[in-house]
Each structure stands twice: as C-alpha cells, then as structure tokens.
Amino acid sequence: MGEVGECRDLRVADIVRLSLKALLSRKRRAALTLLGVLVGVLTLTAVVSIAYGYSSAVLGVIKLSSPRLVLVIARSDPLTNSDLITLENLPGVKVATPLVMFSISAREGCRIG
C-alpha cells in the first residue's frame, strides 16, 4: 500500500470485492441497514398510496357533483370564517357552505361513549 492521500485506480471488481468483504464482516450492521432501507421504502410507498387514494376519492366526489358546484379544499391550514365570507362575496357565488370531511373506522359490537 502507499502513503496516506495517495490515489489508486480502483476497478469495478475491486470495489465489489471490498464491498462484499465489508458487508460480510459486519453482518448485523448490514442486516439492520437493509431493514431500515426496506422499512423506509415501504413507509414511503404506503404514504404515497394513501395520498393518491384520498385524492382520487375527492376527485370522485367532485365529478359526481353538480357542474355548478365548486369545492374549495385547504391544502395545509384549515379554512377560516373569513375565508368563507370572502368566498360568499365573490361574483357569481349564490351560496357558500362550510363542510368538514373526515374518515372513521367502525366495527360491529364496539360502542363509543
């Protein structure tokens, strides 16, 4: 080997060999790293799928509604009463009504309250 800081050309085969050697010498660390990456990818996939499903559900409600009906959906902060008043005062708006939407889970035999 050479001095510290000396550059050496590494071939792909050398890199693969060194990588496999490092992985096999630290099996527990490699397994935990692989598990962490796997959990991260699965979580990201689940979140994107849920967001896409929610978006599809909202678009389905909009498509089934009257062509004269417009839904205003807040992206981050909830809409306020002043937002409702602003919408009511827009030209062409006859009625503006607040609507709260959320999902719940229910099972047979379970009681709330």
N, C-alpha and C. Protein backbone atom coordinates (compact mmCIF):
# COMPACT_ATOMS: atom_id res chain seq x y z
N MET A 1 0.84 -1.18 0.00
CA MET A 1 0.00 0.00 0.00
C MET A 1 0.88 1.23 0.00
N GLY A 2 0.26 2.35 -0.31
CA GLY A 2 1.03 3.58 -0.43
C GLY A 2 0.79 4.51 0.74
N GLU A 3 1.25 5.72 0.57
CA GLU A 3 1.11 6.76 1.58
C GLU A 3 -0.36 7.18 1.72
N VAL A 4 -0.66 7.82 2.84
CA VAL A 4 -1.99 8.36 3.03
C VAL A 4 -2.18 9.49 2.02
N GLY A 5 -3.32 9.49 1.36
CA GLY A 5 -3.59 10.52 0.37
C GLY A 5 -3.18 10.11 -1.03
N GLU A 6 -2.49 8.98 -1.15
CA GLU A 6 -2.08 8.52 -2.48
C GLU A 6 -3.31 7.96 -3.19
N CYS A 7 -3.49 8.32 -4.43
CA CYS A 7 -4.63 7.85 -5.21
C CYS A 7 -4.27 6.54 -5.90
N ARG A 8 -5.24 5.67 -5.98
CA ARG A 8 -5.04 4.40 -6.65
C ARG A 8 -6.28 4.14 -7.50
N ASP A 9 -6.09 3.69 -8.70
CA ASP A 9 -7.22 3.39 -9.58
C ASP A 9 -7.88 2.11 -9.12
N LEU A 10 -9.17 2.19 -8.85
CA LEU A 10 -9.93 1.02 -8.44
C LEU A 10 -10.81 0.57 -9.60
N ARG A 11 -10.78 -0.70 -9.85
CA ARG A 11 -11.66 -1.26 -10.87
C ARG A 11 -12.98 -1.63 -10.21
N VAL A 12 -13.98 -1.86 -11.02
CA VAL A 12 -15.29 -2.24 -10.50
C VAL A 12 -15.18 -3.52 -9.70
N ALA A 13 -14.39 -4.46 -10.16
CA ALA A 13 -14.22 -5.73 -9.45
C ALA A 13 -13.63 -5.50 -8.06
N ASP A 14 -12.68 -4.56 -7.95
CA ASP A 14 -12.10 -4.24 -6.64
C ASP A 14 -13.15 -3.64 -5.70
N ILE A 15 -13.96 -2.76 -6.23
CA ILE A 15 -14.99 -2.12 -5.41
C ILE A 15 -16.01 -3.15 -4.93
N VAL A 16 -16.43 -4.05 -5.83
CA VAL A 16 -17.39 -5.09 -5.45
C VAL A 16 -16.78 -6.00 -4.39
N ARG A 17 -15.53 -6.39 -4.57
CA ARG A 17 -14.86 -7.28 -3.62
C ARG A 17 -14.76 -6.62 -2.25
N LEU A 18 -14.34 -5.35 -2.21
CA LEU A 18 -14.23 -4.64 -0.93
C LEU A 18 -15.60 -4.46 -0.27
N SER A 19 -16.62 -4.18 -1.07
CA SER A 19 -17.97 -4.00 -0.53
C SER A 19 -18.49 -5.29 0.08
N LEU A 20 -18.34 -6.40 -0.63
CA LEU A 20 -18.79 -7.69 -0.10
C LEU A 20 -18.04 -8.08 1.16
N LYS A 21 -16.74 -7.80 1.17
CA LYS A 21 -15.94 -8.11 2.35
C LYS A 21 -16.43 -7.31 3.56
N ALA A 22 -16.74 -6.02 3.35
CA ALA A 22 -17.23 -5.18 4.44
C ALA A 22 -18.61 -5.64 4.91
N LEU A 23 -19.48 -6.01 3.97
CA LEU A 23 -20.81 -6.49 4.34
C LEU A 23 -20.75 -7.79 5.13
N LEU A 24 -19.91 -8.70 4.70
CA LEU A 24 -19.83 -10.00 5.37
C LEU A 24 -19.15 -9.90 6.72
N SER A 25 -18.26 -8.93 6.90
CA SER A 25 -17.59 -8.80 8.19
C SER A 25 -18.48 -8.12 9.23
N ARG A 26 -19.47 -7.38 8.79
CA ARG A 26 -20.40 -6.69 9.70
C ARG A 26 -21.83 -7.09 9.35
N LYS A 27 -22.16 -8.34 9.57
CA LYS A 27 -23.45 -8.88 9.15
C LYS A 27 -24.62 -8.21 9.86
N ARG A 28 -24.51 -8.00 11.15
CA ARG A 28 -25.62 -7.41 11.90
C ARG A 28 -25.87 -5.97 11.43
N ARG A 29 -24.82 -5.20 11.25
CA ARG A 29 -24.97 -3.83 10.79
C ARG A 29 -25.57 -3.80 9.39
N ALA A 30 -25.12 -4.69 8.52
CA ALA A 30 -25.65 -4.75 7.16
C ALA A 30 -27.13 -5.13 7.17
N ALA A 31 -27.50 -6.09 8.03
CA ALA A 31 -28.91 -6.51 8.11
C ALA A 31 -29.79 -5.38 8.62
N LEU A 32 -29.32 -4.66 9.65
CA LEU A 32 -30.10 -3.55 10.19
C LEU A 32 -30.22 -2.41 9.17
N THR A 33 -29.16 -2.16 8.44
CA THR A 33 -29.21 -1.13 7.40
C THR A 33 -30.20 -1.51 6.32
N LEU A 34 -30.14 -2.76 5.89
CA LEU A 34 -31.07 -3.25 4.88
C LEU A 34 -32.51 -3.17 5.38
N LEU A 35 -32.72 -3.55 6.64
CA LEU A 35 -34.06 -3.48 7.23
C LEU A 35 -34.55 -2.03 7.29
N GLY A 36 -33.67 -1.11 7.65
CA GLY A 36 -34.05 0.30 7.71
C GLY A 36 -34.43 0.85 6.35
N VAL A 37 -33.66 0.50 5.34
CA VAL A 37 -33.98 0.95 3.98
C VAL A 37 -35.31 0.35 3.54
N LEU A 38 -35.53 -0.92 3.83
CA LEU A 38 -36.77 -1.59 3.45
C LEU A 38 -37.98 -0.95 4.13
N VAL A 39 -37.87 -0.68 5.42
CA VAL A 39 -38.97 -0.04 6.15
C VAL A 39 -39.22 1.36 5.59
N GLY A 40 -38.17 2.09 5.28
CA GLY A 40 -38.33 3.43 4.71
C GLY A 40 -39.05 3.40 3.37
N VAL A 41 -38.66 2.49 2.51
CA VAL A 41 -39.29 2.38 1.19
C VAL A 41 -40.76 1.97 1.34
N LEU A 42 -41.04 1.01 2.21
CA LEU A 42 -42.42 0.57 2.42
C LEU A 42 -43.28 1.70 2.99
N THR A 43 -42.73 2.46 3.93
CA THR A 43 -43.47 3.58 4.52
C THR A 43 -43.77 4.64 3.48
N LEU A 44 -42.78 4.98 2.69
CA LEU A 44 -42.97 5.98 1.64
C LEU A 44 -44.02 5.51 0.64
N THR A 45 -43.97 4.25 0.26
CA THR A 45 -44.95 3.70 -0.68
C THR A 45 -46.35 3.76 -0.08
N ALA A 46 -46.48 3.43 1.19
CA ALA A 46 -47.80 3.47 1.84
C ALA A 46 -48.34 4.89 1.91
N VAL A 47 -47.50 5.85 2.27
CA VAL A 47 -47.95 7.25 2.37
C VAL A 47 -48.38 7.78 1.01
N VAL A 48 -47.61 7.49 -0.02
CA VAL A 48 -47.96 7.95 -1.37
C VAL A 48 -49.26 7.29 -1.82
N SER A 49 -49.44 6.01 -1.52
CA SER A 49 -50.66 5.31 -1.91
C SER A 49 -51.88 5.89 -1.20
N ILE A 50 -51.75 6.18 0.08
CA ILE A 50 -52.86 6.76 0.83
C ILE A 50 -53.21 8.15 0.28
N ALA A 51 -52.20 8.95 0.01
CA ALA A 51 -52.44 10.29 -0.54
C ALA A 51 -53.12 10.21 -1.90
N TYR A 52 -52.67 9.27 -2.73
CA TYR A 52 -53.27 9.11 -4.06
C TYR A 52 -54.72 8.65 -3.93
N GLY A 53 -54.98 7.73 -3.01
CA GLY A 53 -56.35 7.26 -2.79
C GLY A 53 -57.26 8.37 -2.30
N TYR A 54 -56.77 9.19 -1.39
CA TYR A 54 -57.55 10.31 -0.89
C TYR A 54 -57.85 11.29 -2.01
N SER A 55 -56.85 11.58 -2.82
CA SER A 55 -57.03 12.49 -3.95
C SER A 55 -58.06 11.94 -4.93
N SER A 56 -57.99 10.64 -5.20
CA SER A 56 -58.95 10.01 -6.11
C SER A 56 -60.36 10.08 -5.54
N ALA A 57 -60.51 9.89 -4.23
CA ALA A 57 -61.83 9.95 -3.59
C ALA A 57 -62.41 11.35 -3.70
N VAL A 58 -61.61 12.36 -3.45
CA VAL A 58 -62.09 13.74 -3.54
C VAL A 58 -62.47 14.07 -4.97
N LEU A 59 -61.65 13.66 -5.93
CA LEU A 59 -61.98 13.91 -7.33
C LEU A 59 -63.25 13.19 -7.74
N GLY A 60 -63.48 11.99 -7.20
CA GLY A 60 -64.72 11.26 -7.48
C GLY A 60 -65.93 12.00 -6.98
N VAL A 61 -65.84 12.59 -5.79
CA VAL A 61 -66.95 13.38 -5.24
C VAL A 61 -67.21 14.59 -6.12
N ILE A 62 -66.15 15.23 -6.57
CA ILE A 62 -66.30 16.41 -7.41
C ILE A 62 -66.95 16.04 -8.74
N LYS A 63 -66.53 14.94 -9.35
CA LYS A 63 -67.09 14.53 -10.64
C LYS A 63 -68.57 14.18 -10.54
N LEU A 64 -69.00 13.63 -9.40
CA LEU A 64 -70.40 13.25 -9.23
C LEU A 64 -71.29 14.44 -8.86
N SER A 65 -70.70 15.53 -8.48
CA SER A 65 -71.49 16.68 -8.03
C SER A 65 -71.98 17.50 -9.23
N SER A 66 -72.78 18.47 -8.92
CA SER A 66 -73.35 19.36 -9.93
C SER A 66 -72.24 20.15 -10.63
N PRO A 67 -72.42 20.46 -11.92
CA PRO A 67 -71.40 21.25 -12.62
C PRO A 67 -71.31 22.68 -12.10
N ARG A 68 -72.32 23.11 -11.35
CA ARG A 68 -72.29 24.46 -10.80
C ARG A 68 -71.71 24.49 -9.39
N LEU A 69 -71.30 23.34 -8.89
CA LEU A 69 -70.77 23.24 -7.53
C LEU A 69 -69.24 23.27 -7.58
N VAL A 70 -68.66 24.09 -6.74
CA VAL A 70 -67.20 24.18 -6.65
C VAL A 70 -66.79 23.87 -5.22
N LEU A 71 -65.87 22.94 -5.05
CA LEU A 71 -65.34 22.63 -3.73
C LEU A 71 -64.00 23.32 -3.56
N VAL A 72 -63.83 24.02 -2.46
CA VAL A 72 -62.56 24.67 -2.13
C VAL A 72 -61.96 23.88 -0.99
N ILE A 73 -60.79 23.29 -1.23
CA ILE A 73 -60.16 22.42 -0.24
C ILE A 73 -58.84 23.04 0.19
N ALA A 74 -58.66 23.18 1.50
CA ALA A 74 -57.41 23.73 2.03
C ALA A 74 -56.32 22.68 1.93
N ARG A 75 -55.13 23.11 1.55
CA ARG A 75 -54.01 22.17 1.44
C ARG A 75 -53.31 21.96 2.77
N SER A 76 -53.08 23.01 3.52
CA SER A 76 -52.35 22.83 4.78
C SER A 76 -53.17 23.38 5.96
N ASP A 77 -53.32 24.69 6.03
CA ASP A 77 -54.09 25.29 7.13
C ASP A 77 -55.58 25.18 6.83
N PRO A 78 -56.40 24.93 7.84
CA PRO A 78 -57.85 24.84 7.59
C PRO A 78 -58.41 26.20 7.19
N LEU A 79 -59.50 26.17 6.43
CA LEU A 79 -60.15 27.41 6.04
C LEU A 79 -60.83 28.04 7.25
N THR A 80 -60.87 29.36 7.27
CA THR A 80 -61.44 30.08 8.41
C THR A 80 -62.78 30.70 8.01
N ASN A 81 -63.46 31.31 8.99
CA ASN A 81 -64.72 32.01 8.70
C ASN A 81 -64.50 33.17 7.76
N SER A 82 -63.37 33.85 7.88
CA SER A 82 -63.09 34.97 6.96
C SER A 82 -62.90 34.46 5.53
N ASP A 83 -62.35 33.26 5.37
CA ASP A 83 -62.26 32.66 4.04
C ASP A 83 -63.65 32.40 3.48
N LEU A 84 -64.56 31.92 4.32
CA LEU A 84 -65.93 31.66 3.90
C LEU A 84 -66.62 32.95 3.47
N ILE A 85 -66.43 34.02 4.23
CA ILE A 85 -67.03 35.31 3.89
C ILE A 85 -66.46 35.82 2.57
N THR A 86 -65.16 35.65 2.36
CA THR A 86 -64.54 36.06 1.10
C THR A 86 -65.14 35.29 -0.07
N LEU A 87 -65.34 33.99 0.11
CA LEU A 87 -65.94 33.18 -0.95
C LEU A 87 -67.39 33.59 -1.21
N GLU A 88 -68.14 33.91 -0.16
CA GLU A 88 -69.53 34.34 -0.32
C GLU A 88 -69.64 35.63 -1.11
N ASN A 89 -68.64 36.49 -0.99
CA ASN A 89 -68.68 37.80 -1.64
C ASN A 89 -68.12 37.79 -3.06
N LEU A 90 -67.66 36.65 -3.54
CA LEU A 90 -67.18 36.58 -4.92
C LEU A 90 -68.34 36.71 -5.89
N PRO A 91 -68.11 37.37 -7.04
CA PRO A 91 -69.20 37.50 -8.02
C PRO A 91 -69.62 36.13 -8.55
N GLY A 92 -70.94 35.92 -8.66
CA GLY A 92 -71.46 34.67 -9.19
C GLY A 92 -71.70 33.61 -8.14
N VAL A 93 -71.27 33.86 -6.90
CA VAL A 93 -71.47 32.88 -5.83
C VAL A 93 -72.82 33.14 -5.18
N LYS A 94 -73.70 32.13 -5.23
CA LYS A 94 -75.02 32.27 -4.61
C LYS A 94 -74.99 31.82 -3.16
N VAL A 95 -74.33 30.69 -2.90
CA VAL A 95 -74.28 30.14 -1.54
C VAL A 95 -72.89 29.58 -1.30
N ALA A 96 -72.36 29.83 -0.12
CA ALA A 96 -71.09 29.22 0.31
C ALA A 96 -71.36 28.53 1.64
N THR A 97 -71.10 27.25 1.69
CA THR A 97 -71.40 26.47 2.88
C THR A 97 -70.15 25.72 3.34
N PRO A 98 -69.80 25.82 4.63
CA PRO A 98 -68.64 25.06 5.11
C PRO A 98 -68.99 23.57 5.22
N LEU A 99 -68.01 22.75 5.00
CA LEU A 99 -68.18 21.30 5.07
C LEU A 99 -66.92 20.72 5.69
N VAL A 100 -67.11 19.87 6.68
CA VAL A 100 -65.98 19.20 7.32
C VAL A 100 -66.04 17.73 6.93
N MET A 101 -64.94 17.20 6.40
CA MET A 101 -64.88 15.80 6.00
C MET A 101 -63.77 15.11 6.77
N PHE A 102 -64.05 13.91 7.27
CA PHE A 102 -63.03 13.09 7.91
C PHE A 102 -63.47 11.64 7.81
N SER A 103 -62.54 10.75 8.04
CA SER A 103 -62.89 9.33 7.97
C SER A 103 -62.79 8.71 9.36
N ILE A 104 -63.61 7.70 9.59
CA ILE A 104 -63.58 6.97 10.85
C ILE A 104 -63.62 5.48 10.55
N SER A 105 -63.28 4.70 11.53
CA SER A 105 -63.39 3.24 11.43
C SER A 105 -64.43 2.77 12.42
N ALA A 106 -65.26 1.83 12.01
CA ALA A 106 -66.28 1.29 12.89
C ALA A 106 -66.27 -0.23 12.80
N ARG A 107 -66.47 -0.86 13.95
CA ARG A 107 -66.55 -2.32 13.99
C ARG A 107 -67.82 -2.72 14.70
N GLU A 108 -68.36 -3.82 14.31
CA GLU A 108 -69.57 -4.32 14.93
C GLU A 108 -69.28 -4.70 16.39
N GLY A 109 -70.16 -4.30 17.28
CA GLY A 109 -70.00 -4.66 18.67
C GLY A 109 -69.23 -3.63 19.49
N CYS A 110 -68.64 -2.63 18.87
CA CYS A 110 -67.89 -1.60 19.60
C CYS A 110 -68.79 -0.39 19.80
N ARG A 111 -68.73 0.17 20.99
CA ARG A 111 -69.53 1.35 21.29
C ARG A 111 -68.62 2.49 21.68
N ILE A 112 -69.01 3.68 21.29
CA ILE A 112 -68.28 4.88 21.67
C ILE A 112 -69.13 5.63 22.68
N GLY A 113 -68.52 6.03 23.80
CA GLY A 113 -69.24 6.82 24.79
C GLY A 113 -69.86 6.00 25.77
